[in-house]
Amino acid sequence: MFIDHIRISAKAGDGGDGVVSWRREKFVPRGGPDGGDGGGGGDVILIVDPSTDNLRAYHYDPKLLAEDGKPGGGTRKTGRAGKKVIGKVPPGTVVYRSNAATLAEAVTAERSDEGIDLEPIADLTENGQQFILCHGGEPGRGNWNYKTPTNRAPTEHTLGTPGEQGIFYLELRRIADAGLVGFPNAGKSTLLGKLSAAKPKVASYPFTTLQPTVGVVEFPGFRRCTVADIPGLIEGAHANRGLGHEFLRHITRCRLLLFVVDIAGVDGRDPVSDLEILRREIKEYDEDLARFPWKVVANKMDLENAAANLDAFRLRFPKVDIIPISADLETGLDDLRQILDNEVGHRR
């Protein structure tokens, strides 16, 4: 099961209380105050783990609860600090703070017309990067801290403060240098499998790919880039139709968009219309995304009508960079690799 966005509840530990205590020892009739400080509450921390590729773990347990600090003791003993809790997230996770008070309230509001306000608070992209989601409470101070020459028997002490808590929304945006965008059956999965060592599911029916797949393309000189196969869009994807809206977030980090078009017009499709629809859906989803550098991969050049359709396509889009290929026969892939190397290739 692939989970790329989820709500979670997090609560840091409360700080332990400081205590009032007095030194009681034989031959020390006036031992004075010796109440110790409490321990600090545990933090809730998110850490980027490259071995994690989605947010599935939080589907089964959407709560991160850190331990409370322990109260202080006599003889100036400091209470034990609460254990922190660490949540692992994949690279590319964006963290939002919700204005909902509980998970149930967040679910109810999202299903209604009210919606939920989300404030972005972190963008976790680097392996090993850490973010304190909720800070633990401060420890209380024991009465020995308040002893002065004029106040030799203080009863003052402070309680630990509550740890931070809240409802948060985690959204995964997979990190890739280039994104393959296209209608179902355009050949994106086949193309990614030929370019890289990725093994996306390939079949002759629409919506074979049900989750984004990222592959690594190697170039000479120890250069490489990552390419993401985004599940097929349909017209109206920006309005949450089909699978496209669910996964368009994954191309918002790409430096180059490759629109994969079935240039042969299999199943009666019109390549010109397909590209116009794809460009419109991208713009409707995110106008900034529509301004990203982009090129067209004209796939299925080995099929009938492909050459004639390509000529008509070039007449309609004379200023667009078009790379004719056949992913099945692996023709034109060297030209595509060269373009990827020039545009987004980088050294390891």
C-alpha atoms as a PDB file:
ATOM      1  CA  MET A   1       0.000   0.000   0.000  1.00  0.00           C
ATOM      2  CA  PHE A   2       1.392   3.353  -1.083  1.00  0.00           C
ATOM      3  CA  ILE A   3       0.549   6.298   1.210  1.00  0.00           C
ATOM      4  CA  ASP A   4       1.855   9.729   0.196  1.00  0.00           C
ATOM      5  CA  HIS A   5      -0.227  12.027   2.410  1.00  0.00           C
ATOM      6  CA  ILE A   6      -1.658  11.539   5.875  1.00  0.00           C
ATOM      7  CA  ARG A   7      -2.780  13.309   9.043  1.00  0.00           C
ATOM      8  CA  ILE A   8      -1.031  12.569  12.319  1.00  0.00           C
ATOM      9  CA  SER A   9      -1.330  13.635  15.935  1.00  0.00           C
ATOM     10  CA  ALA A  10       1.817  14.478  17.921  1.00  0.00           C
ATOM     11  CA  LYS A  11       2.344  15.247  21.602  1.00  0.00           C
ATOM     12  CA  ALA A  12       5.667  16.020  23.259  1.00  0.00           C
ATOM     13  CA  GLY A  13       6.261  15.008  26.862  1.00  0.00           C
ATOM     14  CA  ASP A  14       5.408  17.323  29.739  1.00  0.00           C
ATOM     15  CA  GLY A  15       8.209  18.603  31.906  1.00  0.00           C
ATOM     16  CA  GLY A  16       8.621  16.974  35.314  1.00  0.00           C
ATOM     17  CA  ASP A  17       7.758  19.000  38.415  1.00  0.00           C
ATOM     18  CA  GLY A  18      10.309  20.441  40.766  1.00  0.00           C
ATOM     19  CA  VAL A  19       9.769  19.338  44.361  1.00  0.00           C
ATOM     20  CA  VAL A  20       9.935  20.697  47.883  1.00  0.00           C
ATOM     21  CA  SER A  21      12.198  18.599  50.075  1.00  0.00           C
ATOM     22  CA  TRP A  22      14.317  19.052  53.180  1.00  0.00           C
ATOM     23  CA  ARG A  23      17.576  17.485  54.123  1.00  0.00           C
ATOM     24  CA  ARG A  24      17.001  15.045  56.960  1.00  0.00           C
ATOM     25  CA  GLU A  25      20.260  13.606  58.251  1.00  0.00           C
ATOM     26  CA  LYS A  26      21.604  12.624  61.653  1.00  0.00           C
ATOM     27  CA  PHE A  27      23.764  15.315  63.265  1.00  0.00           C
ATOM     28  CA  VAL A  28      22.537  17.849  60.681  1.00  0.00           C
ATOM     29  CA  PRO A  29      19.636  19.536  62.480  1.00  0.00           C
ATOM     30  CA  ARG A  30      19.206  22.289  59.892  1.00  0.00           C
ATOM     31  CA  GLY A  31      19.911  20.562  56.602  1.00  0.00           C
ATOM     32  CA  GLY A  32      17.970  23.075  54.587  1.00  0.00           C
ATOM     33  CA  PRO A  33      16.140  22.690  51.277  1.00  0.00           C
ATOM     34  CA  ASP A  34      17.240  19.974  48.869  1.00  0.00           C
ATOM     35  CA  GLY A  35      14.285  19.508  46.499  1.00  0.00           C
ATOM     36  CA  GLY A  36      15.536  18.598  43.012  1.00  0.00           C
ATOM     37  CA  ASP A  37      14.467  19.760  39.572  1.00  0.00           C
ATOM     38  CA  GLY A  38      12.197  17.786  37.284  1.00  0.00           C
ATOM     39  CA  GLY A  39      13.285  16.222  34.005  1.00  0.00           C
ATOM     40  CA  GLY A  40      12.532  17.761  30.636  1.00  0.00           C
ATOM     41  CA  GLY A  41       9.781  16.329  28.466  1.00  0.00           C
ATOM     42  CA  GLY A  42      10.738  14.302  25.405  1.00  0.00           C
ATOM     43  CA  ASP A  43      10.647  15.914  21.965  1.00  0.00           C
ATOM     44  CA  VAL A  44       8.783  14.585  18.929  1.00  0.00           C
ATOM     45  CA  ILE A  45      11.289  14.522  16.066  1.00  0.00           C
ATOM     46  CA  LEU A  46      10.917  13.756  12.371  1.00  0.00           C
ATOM     47  CA  ILE A  47      13.999  12.424  10.601  1.00  0.00           C
ATOM     48  CA  VAL A  48      14.527  11.813   6.887  1.00  0.00           C
ATOM     49  CA  ASP A  49      15.265   8.151   6.273  1.00  0.00           C
ATOM     50  CA  PRO A  50      16.243   7.211   2.681  1.00  0.00           C
ATOM     51  CA  SER A  51      15.180   3.608   3.297  1.00  0.00           C
ATOM     52  CA  THR A  52      11.583   4.820   3.737  1.00  0.00           C
ATOM     53  CA  ASP A  53       9.730   5.467   0.482  1.00  0.00           C
ATOM     54  CA  ASN A  54       6.240   6.401   1.714  1.00  0.00           C
ATOM     55  CA  LEU A  55       4.165   7.273   4.793  1.00  0.00           C
ATOM     56  CA  ARG A  56       2.527   3.874   5.218  1.00  0.00           C
ATOM     57  CA  ALA A  57       3.688   3.443   8.840  1.00  0.00           C
ATOM     58  CA  TYR A  58       1.482   6.343   9.962  1.00  0.00           C
ATOM     59  CA  HIS A  59      -1.586   4.773   8.369  1.00  0.00           C
ATOM     60  CA  TYR A  60      -1.534   2.106  11.079  1.00  0.00           C
ATOM     61  CA  ASP A  61      -0.427   4.339  13.941  1.00  0.00           C
ATOM     62  CA  PRO A  62      -1.060   8.061  13.302  1.00  0.00           C
ATOM     63  CA  LYS A  63       0.120   9.185  16.730  1.00  0.00           C
ATOM     64  CA  LEU A  64       3.578  10.213  17.941  1.00  0.00           C
ATOM     65  CA  LEU A  65       3.676  10.474  21.725  1.00  0.00           C
ATOM     66  CA  ALA A  66       6.857  11.311  23.635  1.00  0.00           C
ATOM     67  CA  GLU A  67       7.441  10.513  27.299  1.00  0.00           C
ATOM     68  CA  ASP A  68       6.868  12.938  30.156  1.00  0.00           C
ATOM     69  CA  GLY A  69       9.777  14.028  32.320  1.00  0.00           C
ATOM     70  CA  LYS A  70       9.897  12.635  35.852  1.00  0.00           C
ATOM     71  CA  PRO A  71       9.607  14.844  38.960  1.00  0.00           C
ATOM     72  CA  GLY A  72      12.690  15.698  40.970  1.00  0.00           C
ATOM     73  CA  GLY A  73      13.618  14.076  44.275  1.00  0.00           C
ATOM     74  CA  GLY A  74      15.273  14.798  47.579  1.00  0.00           C
ATOM     75  CA  THR A  75      19.012  15.395  47.943  1.00  0.00           C
ATOM     76  CA  ARG A  76      18.787  17.589  44.837  1.00  0.00           C
ATOM     77  CA  LYS A  77      18.071  14.654  42.571  1.00  0.00           C
ATOM     78  CA  THR A  78      16.996  15.680  39.075  1.00  0.00           C
ATOM     79  CA  GLY A  79      14.135  13.733  37.545  1.00  0.00           C
ATOM     80  CA  ARG A  80      14.821  11.602  34.502  1.00  0.00           C
ATOM     81  CA  ALA A  81      14.174  13.310  31.180  1.00  0.00           C
ATOM     82  CA  GLY A  82      11.381  11.900  29.053  1.00  0.00           C
ATOM     83  CA  LYS A  83      12.358   9.755  26.089  1.00  0.00           C
ATOM     84  CA  LYS A  84      12.021  11.465  22.735  1.00  0.00           C
ATOM     85  CA  VAL A  85      10.112   9.780  19.944  1.00  0.00           C
ATOM     86  CA  ILE A  86      11.418   9.728  16.372  1.00  0.00           C
ATOM     87  CA  GLY A  87       9.220   9.419  13.314  1.00  0.00           C
ATOM     88  CA  LYS A  88      10.883   8.405  10.046  1.00  0.00           C
ATOM     89  CA  VAL A  89       9.788  10.077   6.818  1.00  0.00           C
ATOM     90  CA  PRO A  90      11.028   9.723   3.223  1.00  0.00           C
ATOM     91  CA  PRO A  91      12.977  12.474   1.449  1.00  0.00           C
ATOM     92  CA  GLY A  92      10.631  15.057  -0.030  1.00  0.00           C
ATOM     93  CA  THR A  93       8.164  15.190   2.872  1.00  0.00           C
ATOM     94  CA  VAL A  94       6.437  18.527   3.447  1.00  0.00           C
ATOM     95  CA  VAL A  95       5.044  19.097   6.949  1.00  0.00           C
ATOM     96  CA  TYR A  96       1.966  21.244   7.602  1.00  0.00           C
ATOM     97  CA  ARG A  97       0.436  22.340  10.901  1.00  0.00           C
ATOM     98  CA  SER A  98      -3.340  21.984  11.035  1.00  0.00           C
ATOM     99  CA  ASN A  99      -5.683  24.262  12.947  1.00  0.00           C
ATOM    100  CA  ALA A 100      -7.759  21.244  13.975  1.00  0.00           C
ATOM    101  CA  ALA A 101      -7.679  20.269  17.634  1.00  0.00           C
ATOM    102  CA  THR A 102      -8.051  16.519  17.107  1.00  0.00           C
ATOM    103  CA  LEU A 103      -7.695  13.976  14.326  1.00  0.00           C
ATOM    104  CA  ALA A 104     -11.466  13.440  14.361  1.00  0.00           C
ATOM    105  CA  GLU A 105     -12.063  17.167  13.922  1.00  0.00           C
ATOM    106  CA  ALA A 106      -9.594  17.276  11.013  1.00  0.00           C
ATOM    107  CA  VAL A 107     -11.348  14.380   9.253  1.00  0.00           C
ATOM    108  CA  THR A 108     -14.798  15.890   9.804  1.00  0.00           C
ATOM    109  CA  ALA A 109     -13.728  19.324   8.540  1.00  0.00           C
ATOM    110  CA  GLU A 110     -12.060  17.901   5.420  1.00  0.00           C
ATOM    111  CA  ARG A 111     -15.237  16.033   4.524  1.00  0.00           C
ATOM    112  CA  SER A 112     -17.327  19.188   4.919  1.00  0.00           C
ATOM    113  CA  ASP A 113     -17.240  22.476   3.049  1.00  0.00           C
ATOM    114  CA  GLU A 114     -15.338  24.168   5.871  1.00  0.00           C
ATOM    115  CA  GLY A 115     -11.951  22.701   5.093  1.00  0.00           C
ATOM    116  CA  ILE A 116      -8.869  22.928   7.266  1.00  0.00           C
ATOM    117  CA  ASP A 117      -6.219  25.631   7.341  1.00  0.00           C
ATOM    118  CA  LEU A 118      -2.753  24.180   6.816  1.00  0.00           C
ATOM    119  CA  GLU A 119       0.451  26.090   7.528  1.00  0.00           C
ATOM    120  CA  PRO A 120       3.671  24.714   5.971  1.00  0.00           C
ATOM    121  CA  ILE A 121       6.334  24.473   8.649  1.00  0.00           C
ATOM    122  CA  ALA A 122       9.043  22.208   7.200  1.00  0.00           C
ATOM    123  CA  ASP A 123      10.301  20.809   3.907  1.00  0.00           C
ATOM    124  CA  LEU A 124      12.419  17.720   4.552  1.00  0.00           C
ATOM    125  CA  THR A 125      14.563  16.829   1.562  1.00  0.00           C
ATOM    126  CA  GLU A 126      18.051  15.853   2.774  1.00  0.00           C
ATOM    127  CA  ASN A 127      18.905  12.381   4.067  1.00  0.00           C
ATOM    128  CA  GLY A 128      19.347  12.487   7.825  1.00  0.00           C
ATOM    129  CA  GLN A 129      17.678  15.899   8.138  1.00  0.00           C
ATOM    130  CA  GLN A 130      15.859  16.343  11.454  1.00  0.00           C
ATOM    131  CA  PHE A 131      12.958  18.554  12.456  1.00  0.00           C
ATOM    132  CA  ILE A 132      11.534  18.961  15.961  1.00  0.00           C
ATOM    133  CA  LEU A 133       7.823  18.670  15.388  1.00  0.00           C
ATOM    134  CA  CYS A 134       6.875  19.255  19.037  1.00  0.00           C
ATOM    135  CA  HIS A 135       9.211  20.523  21.756  1.00  0.00           C
ATOM    136  CA  GLY A 136       9.139  18.838  25.134  1.00  0.00           C
ATOM    137  CA  GLY A 137       7.978  20.759  28.183  1.00  0.00           C
ATOM    138  CA  GLU A 138      10.456  22.623  30.357  1.00  0.00           C
ATOM    139  CA  PRO A 139      11.306  21.016  33.715  1.00  0.00           C
ATOM    140  CA  GLY A 140      10.142  22.525  36.992  1.00  0.00           C
ATOM    141  CA  ARG A 141      12.637  23.797  39.559  1.00  0.00           C
ATOM    142  CA  GLY A 142      13.008  22.359  43.055  1.00  0.00           C
ATOM    143  CA  ASN A 143      13.022  24.470  46.215  1.00  0.00           C
ATOM    144  CA  TRP A 144      16.803  24.297  46.640  1.00  0.00           C
ATOM    145  CA  ASN A 145      17.075  26.805  43.775  1.00  0.00           C
ATOM    146  CA  TYR A 146      15.319  29.449  45.870  1.00  0.00           C
ATOM    147  CA  LYS A 147      17.567  29.333  48.924  1.00  0.00           C
ATOM    148  CA  THR A 148      19.095  32.745  49.760  1.00  0.00           C
ATOM    149  CA  PRO A 149      20.799  34.211  52.828  1.00  0.00           C
ATOM    150  CA  THR A 150      17.465  35.756  53.795  1.00  0.00           C
ATOM    151  CA  ASN A 151      15.262  32.855  52.763  1.00  0.00           C
ATOM    152  CA  ARG A 152      16.849  29.762  54.178  1.00  0.00           C
ATOM    153  CA  ALA A 153      13.735  27.594  54.149  1.00  0.00           C
ATOM    154  CA  PRO A 154      12.029  28.296  50.832  1.00  0.00           C
ATOM    155  CA  THR A 155       8.905  26.412  49.889  1.00  0.00           C
ATOM    156  CA  GLU A 156       8.818  27.844  46.394  1.00  0.00           C
ATOM    157  CA  HIS A 157       9.048  25.446  43.496  1.00  0.00           C
ATOM    158  CA  THR A 158       7.754  25.337  39.927  1.00  0.00           C
ATOM    159  CA  LEU A 159       5.827  22.782  37.964  1.00  0.00           C
ATOM    160  CA  GLY A 160       6.929  21.435  34.613  1.00  0.00           C
ATOM    161  CA  THR A 161       5.359  23.022  31.547  1.00  0.00           C
ATOM    162  CA  PRO A 162       3.182  21.049  29.112  1.00  0.00           C
ATOM    163  CA  GLY A 163       4.819  19.700  25.973  1.00  0.00           C
ATOM    164  CA  GLU A 164       3.734  21.009  22.606  1.00  0.00           C
ATOM    165  CA  GLN A 165       1.058  19.113  20.721  1.00  0.00           C
ATOM    166  CA  GLY A 166      -0.952  19.409  17.545  1.00  0.00           C
ATOM    167  CA  ILE A 167      -2.424  17.866  14.428  1.00  0.00           C
ATOM    168  CA  PHE A 168      -0.118  17.757  11.419  1.00  0.00           C
ATOM    169  CA  TYR A 169      -0.425  16.865   7.757  1.00  0.00           C
ATOM    170  CA  LEU A 170       2.430  15.067   6.025  1.00  0.00           C
ATOM    171  CA  GLU A 171       2.661  15.219   2.248  1.00  0.00           C
ATOM    172  CA  LEU A 172       5.244  13.324   0.227  1.00  0.00           C
ATOM    173  CA  ARG A 173       6.568  14.967  -2.919  1.00  0.00           C
ATOM    174  CA  ARG A 174       9.004  12.564  -4.474  1.00  0.00           C
ATOM    175  CA  ILE A 175      12.270  14.133  -5.507  1.00  0.00           C
ATOM    176  CA  ALA A 176      13.155  13.632  -9.167  1.00  0.00           C
ATOM    177  CA  ASP A 177      15.094  15.661 -11.700  1.00  0.00           C
ATOM    178  CA  ALA A 178      12.641  14.940 -14.511  1.00  0.00           C
ATOM    179  CA  GLY A 179       9.006  13.869 -14.537  1.00  0.00           C
ATOM    180  CA  LEU A 180       7.187  11.780 -17.148  1.00  0.00           C
ATOM    181  CA  VAL A 181       3.673  13.120 -17.657  1.00  0.00           C
ATOM    182  CA  GLY A 182       1.100  11.673 -20.004  1.00  0.00           C
ATOM    183  CA  PHE A 183      -2.216   9.957 -20.535  1.00  0.00           C
ATOM    184  CA  PRO A 184      -2.741   6.287 -19.638  1.00  0.00           C
ATOM    185  CA  ASN A 185      -1.109   3.878 -22.100  1.00  0.00           C
ATOM    186  CA  ALA A 186       1.223   6.550 -23.491  1.00  0.00           C
ATOM    187  CA  GLY A 187       4.165   4.298 -22.622  1.00  0.00           C
ATOM    188  CA  LYS A 188       5.643   6.115 -19.611  1.00  0.00           C
ATOM    189  CA  SER A 189       6.264   2.963 -17.584  1.00  0.00           C
ATOM    190  CA  THR A 190       7.873   1.163 -20.517  1.00  0.00           C
ATOM    191  CA  LEU A 191      10.066   4.189 -21.164  1.00  0.00           C
ATOM    192  CA  LEU A 192      11.206   4.426 -17.541  1.00  0.00           C
ATOM    193  CA  GLY A 193      12.006   0.706 -17.526  1.00  0.00           C
ATOM    194  CA  LYS A 194      14.189   1.115 -20.629  1.00  0.00           C
ATOM    195  CA  LEU A 195      15.982   4.227 -19.359  1.00  0.00           C
ATOM    196  CA  SER A 196      16.715   2.972 -15.848  1.00  0.00           C
ATOM    197  CA  ALA A 197      16.812  -0.099 -13.665  1.00  0.00           C
ATOM    198  CA  ALA A 198      13.342   0.661 -12.295  1.00  0.00           C
ATOM    199  CA  LYS A 199      10.727  -2.055 -12.808  1.00  0.00           C
ATOM    200  CA  PRO A 200       7.340  -0.334 -13.063  1.00  0.00           C
ATOM    201  CA  LYS A 201       4.320  -2.459 -13.890  1.00  0.00           C
ATOM    202  CA  VAL A 202       3.654  -2.560 -17.636  1.00  0.00           C
ATOM    203  CA  ALA A 203       0.440  -3.819 -19.256  1.00  0.00           C
ATOM    204  CA  SER A 204      -1.827  -3.030 -22.207  1.00  0.00           C
ATOM    205  CA  TYR A 205      -4.667  -1.526 -20.167  1.00  0.00           C
ATOM    206  CA  PRO A 206      -5.064   1.983 -18.733  1.00  0.00           C
ATOM    207  CA  PHE A 207      -3.978   2.945 -15.215  1.00  0.00           C
ATOM    208  CA  THR A 208      -1.464   0.135 -14.903  1.00  0.00           C
ATOM    209  CA  THR A 209       0.693   2.423 -12.750  1.00  0.00           C
ATOM    210  CA  LEU A 210      -1.042   3.190  -9.466  1.00  0.00           C
ATOM    211  CA  GLN A 211       1.801   4.966  -7.699  1.00  0.00           C
ATOM    212  CA  PRO A 212       4.726   7.177  -8.729  1.00  0.00           C
ATOM    213  CA  THR A 213       7.899   5.288  -9.587  1.00  0.00           C
ATOM    214  CA  VAL A 214      11.376   6.827  -9.577  1.00  0.00           C
ATOM    215  CA  GLY A 215      14.259   5.433 -11.607  1.00  0.00           C
ATOM    216  CA  VAL A 216      17.921   6.440 -11.827  1.00  0.00           C
ATOM    217  CA  VAL A 217      19.354   7.087 -15.295  1.00  0.00           C
ATOM    218  CA  GLU A 218      23.137   6.695 -15.549  1.00  0.00           C
ATOM    219  CA  PHE A 219      25.305   8.739 -17.932  1.00  0.00           C
ATOM    220  CA  PRO A 220      29.004   8.566 -18.907  1.00  0.00           C
ATOM    221  CA  GLY A 221      31.419  10.345 -16.582  1.00  0.00           C
ATOM    222  CA  PHE A 222      29.654   9.127 -13.427  1.00  0.00           C
ATOM    223  CA  ARG A 223      26.712  11.458 -13.971  1.00  0.00           C
ATOM    224  CA  ARG A 224      23.134  10.524 -13.246  1.00  0.00           C
ATOM    225  CA  CYS A 225      19.618  11.857 -12.868  1.00  0.00           C
ATOM    226  CA  THR A 226      16.362  10.629 -11.411  1.00  0.00           C
ATOM    227  CA  VAL A 227      13.186  10.322 -13.464  1.00  0.00           C
ATOM    228  CA  ALA A 228       9.683   9.910 -12.025  1.00  0.00           C
ATOM    229  CA  ASP A 229       6.845   8.107 -13.772  1.00  0.00           C
ATOM    230  CA  ILE A 230       3.635   9.849 -12.696  1.00  0.00           C
ATOM    231  CA  PRO A 231       0.427   7.766 -13.007  1.00  0.00           C
ATOM    232  CA  GLY A 232      -1.679   8.644 -16.052  1.00  0.00           C
ATOM    233  CA  LEU A 233      -3.673  11.830 -16.107  1.00  0.00           C
ATOM    234  CA  ILE A 234      -7.116  12.284 -17.595  1.00  0.00           C
ATOM    235  CA  GLU A 235      -8.927  15.431 -18.624  1.00  0.00           C
ATOM    236  CA  GLY A 236     -10.146  17.146 -15.482  1.00  0.00           C
ATOM    237  CA  ALA A 237      -7.299  15.833 -13.313  1.00  0.00           C
ATOM    238  CA  HIS A 238      -6.771  19.310 -11.806  1.00  0.00           C
ATOM    239  CA  ALA A 239     -10.344  19.062 -10.447  1.00  0.00           C
ATOM    240  CA  ASN A 240      -9.524  15.758  -8.745  1.00  0.00           C
ATOM    241  CA  ARG A 241     -10.748  13.448 -11.498  1.00  0.00           C
ATOM    242  CA  GLY A 242      -8.953  10.152 -12.018  1.00  0.00           C
ATOM    243  CA  LEU A 243      -5.567   9.402 -10.475  1.00  0.00           C
ATOM    244  CA  GLY A 244      -3.680  12.428 -11.768  1.00  0.00           C
ATOM    245  CA  HIS A 245      -4.653  14.936  -9.087  1.00  0.00           C
ATOM    246  CA  GLU A 246      -3.539  12.503  -6.419  1.00  0.00           C
ATOM    247  CA  PHE A 247       0.010  12.366  -7.783  1.00  0.00           C
ATOM    248  CA  LEU A 248       0.646  15.679  -9.533  1.00  0.00           C
ATOM    249  CA  ARG A 249       2.311  16.882  -6.335  1.00  0.00           C
ATOM    250  CA  HIS A 250       5.242  14.588  -7.122  1.00  0.00           C
ATOM    251  CA  ILE A 251       6.381  16.608 -10.143  1.00  0.00           C
ATOM    252  CA  THR A 252       6.445  19.973  -8.354  1.00  0.00           C
ATOM    253  CA  ARG A 253      10.137  19.419  -7.548  1.00  0.00           C
ATOM    254  CA  CYS A 254      11.190  18.373 -11.050  1.00  0.00           C
ATOM    255  CA  ARG A 255      13.578  20.542 -13.057  1.00  0.00           C
ATOM    256  CA  LEU A 256      12.288  19.218 -16.378  1.00  0.00           C
ATOM    257  CA  LEU A 257       8.896  17.880 -17.477  1.00  0.00           C
ATOM    258  CA  LEU A 258       8.710  15.329 -20.281  1.00  0.00           C
ATOM    259  CA  PHE A 259       5.257  15.048 -21.818  1.00  0.00           C
ATOM    260  CA  VAL A 260       4.997  11.522 -23.218  1.00  0.00           C
ATOM    261  CA  VAL A 261       2.564  11.476 -26.149  1.00  0.00           C
ATOM    262  CA  ASP A 262       1.257   8.455 -28.069  1.00  0.00           C
ATOM    263  CA  ILE A 263       2.193   9.862 -31.471  1.00  0.00           C
ATOM    264  CA  ALA A 264       0.657   6.872 -33.295  1.00  0.00           C
ATOM    265  CA  GLY A 265      -2.797   7.712 -31.952  1.00  0.00           C
ATOM    266  CA  VAL A 266      -3.551   4.237 -30.652  1.00  0.00           C
ATOM    267  CA  ASP A 267      -7.178   3.809 -29.485  1.00  0.00           C
ATOM    268  CA  GLY A 268      -8.197   6.735 -31.675  1.00  0.00           C
ATOM    269  CA  ARG A 269      -6.306   9.359 -29.664  1.00  0.00           C
ATOM    270  CA  ASP A 270      -5.219  12.677 -31.171  1.00  0.00           C
ATOM    271  CA  PRO A 271      -1.604  13.529 -30.168  1.00  0.00           C
ATOM    272  CA  VAL A 272      -2.160  17.272 -30.689  1.00  0.00           C
ATOM    273  CA  SER A 273      -5.251  17.291 -28.499  1.00  0.00           C
ATOM    274  CA  ASP A 274      -3.511  15.139 -25.885  1.00  0.00           C
ATOM    275  CA  LEU A 275      -0.666  17.618 -25.444  1.00  0.00           C
ATOM    276  CA  GLU A 276      -3.028  20.589 -25.292  1.00  0.00           C
ATOM    277  CA  ILE A 277      -5.070  18.883 -22.583  1.00  0.00           C
ATOM    278  CA  LEU A 278      -1.978  17.866 -20.615  1.00  0.00           C
ATOM    279  CA  ARG A 279      -0.572  21.397 -20.705  1.00  0.00           C
ATOM    280  CA  ARG A 280      -3.925  22.807 -19.619  1.00  0.00           C
ATOM    281  CA  GLU A 281      -4.250  20.355 -16.729  1.00  0.00           C
ATOM    282  CA  ILE A 282      -0.760  21.226 -15.489  1.00  0.00           C
ATOM    283  CA  LYS A 283      -1.547  24.951 -15.617  1.00  0.00           C
ATOM    284  CA  GLU A 284      -4.888  24.511 -13.854  1.00  0.00           C
ATOM    285  CA  TYR A 285      -3.190  22.506 -11.124  1.00  0.00           C
ATOM    286  CA  ASP A 286      -0.275  24.912 -10.567  1.00  0.00           C
ATOM    287  CA  GLU A 287       0.599  27.906 -12.751  1.00  0.00           C
ATOM    288  CA  ASP A 288       4.187  27.859 -11.480  1.00  0.00           C
ATOM    289  CA  LEU A 289       4.496  24.236 -12.576  1.00  0.00           C
ATOM    290  CA  ALA A 290       3.350  25.203 -16.069  1.00  0.00           C
ATOM    291  CA  ARG A 291       6.373  27.510 -16.362  1.00  0.00           C
ATOM    292  CA  PHE A 292       8.872  24.699 -15.737  1.00  0.00           C
ATOM    293  CA  PRO A 293      11.121  23.721 -18.683  1.00  0.00           C
ATOM    294  CA  TRP A 294       9.404  21.031 -20.749  1.00  0.00           C
ATOM    295  CA  LYS A 295       9.799  18.885 -23.838  1.00  0.00           C
ATOM    296  CA  VAL A 296       7.701  16.351 -25.702  1.00  0.00           C
ATOM    297  CA  VAL A 297       8.595  12.676 -26.068  1.00  0.00           C
ATOM    298  CA  ALA A 298       6.776  11.350 -29.132  1.00  0.00           C
ATOM    299  CA  ASN A 299       6.469   7.662 -28.315  1.00  0.00           C
ATOM    300  CA  LYS A 300       5.403   4.642 -30.431  1.00  0.00           C
ATOM    301  CA  MET A 301       7.175   5.816 -33.585  1.00  0.00           C
ATOM    302  CA  ASP A 302       7.318   2.164 -34.702  1.00  0.00           C
ATOM    303  CA  LEU A 303       3.558   2.011 -35.259  1.00  0.00           C
ATOM    304  CA  GLU A 304       1.466   2.872 -38.297  1.00  0.00           C
ATOM    305  CA  ASN A 305       0.488   6.538 -38.776  1.00  0.00           C
ATOM    306  CA  ALA A 306       3.219   7.690 -36.365  1.00  0.00           C
ATOM    307  CA  ALA A 307       5.360   9.430 -39.006  1.00  0.00           C
ATOM    308  CA  ALA A 308       2.402  11.308 -40.523  1.00  0.00           C
ATOM    309  CA  ASN A 309       1.121  12.295 -37.081  1.00  0.00           C
ATOM    310  CA  LEU A 310       4.584  13.529 -36.121  1.00  0.00           C
ATOM    311  CA  ASP A 311       4.677  15.861 -39.132  1.00  0.00           C
ATOM    312  CA  ALA A 312       1.272  17.302 -38.227  1.00  0.00           C
ATOM    313  CA  PHE A 313       2.347  17.566 -34.602  1.00  0.00           C
ATOM    314  CA  ARG A 314       5.453  19.578 -35.521  1.00  0.00           C
ATOM    315  CA  LEU A 315       3.375  21.929 -37.666  1.00  0.00           C
ATOM    316  CA  ARG A 316       1.075  22.586 -34.717  1.00  0.00           C
ATOM    317  CA  PHE A 317       3.922  23.052 -32.207  1.00  0.00           C
ATOM    318  CA  PRO A 318       6.858  24.454 -34.227  1.00  0.00           C
ATOM    319  CA  LYS A 319       8.682  25.876 -31.201  1.00  0.00           C
ATOM    320  CA  VAL A 320       8.423  22.795 -28.996  1.00  0.00           C
ATOM    321  CA  ASP A 321      11.370  20.413 -28.591  1.00  0.00           C
ATOM    322  CA  ILE A 322      10.151  16.991 -29.731  1.00  0.00           C
ATOM    323  CA  ILE A 323      12.102  13.747 -29.244  1.00  0.00           C
ATOM    324  CA  PRO A 324      10.712  10.899 -31.401  1.00  0.00           C
ATOM    325  CA  ILE A 325      11.257   7.483 -29.833  1.00  0.00           C
ATOM    326  CA  SER A 326       9.978   3.946 -29.646  1.00  0.00           C
ATOM    327  CA  ALA A 327      10.258   2.754 -26.061  1.00  0.00           C
ATOM    328  CA  ASP A 328       9.405  -0.801 -27.113  1.00  0.00           C
ATOM    329  CA  LEU A 329      12.174  -0.976 -29.734  1.00  0.00           C
ATOM    330  CA  GLU A 330      14.504   1.322 -27.762  1.00  0.00           C
ATOM    331  CA  THR A 331      15.005   3.639 -30.737  1.00  0.00           C
ATOM    332  CA  GLY A 332      15.658   7.309 -30.022  1.00  0.00           C
ATOM    333  CA  LEU A 333      16.544   6.614 -26.393  1.00  0.00           C
ATOM    334  CA  ASP A 334      20.170   7.700 -26.872  1.00  0.00           C
ATOM    335  CA  ASP A 335      18.949  11.136 -27.974  1.00  0.00           C
ATOM    336  CA  LEU A 336      16.648  11.306 -24.958  1.00  0.00           C
ATOM    337  CA  ARG A 337      19.459  10.291 -22.609  1.00  0.00           C
ATOM    338  CA  GLN A 338      21.667  13.017 -24.077  1.00  0.00           C
ATOM    339  CA  ILE A 339      18.974  15.613 -23.479  1.00  0.00           C
ATOM    340  CA  LEU A 340      18.498  14.426 -19.911  1.00  0.00           C
ATOM    341  CA  ASP A 341      22.263  14.548 -19.359  1.00  0.00           C
ATOM    342  CA  ASN A 342      22.473  18.088 -20.731  1.00  0.00           C
ATOM    343  CA  GLU A 343      19.431  19.374 -18.851  1.00  0.00           C
ATOM    344  CA  VAL A 344      19.485  17.675 -15.460  1.00  0.00           C
ATOM    345  CA  GLY A 345      22.496  15.324 -15.307  1.00  0.00           C
ATOM    346  CA  HIS A 346      24.714  15.794 -12.264  1.00  0.00           C
ATOM    347  CA  ARG A 347      27.718  14.115 -10.714  1.00  0.00           C
ATOM    348  CA  ARG A 348      27.328  11.665  -7.901  1.00  0.00           C
END
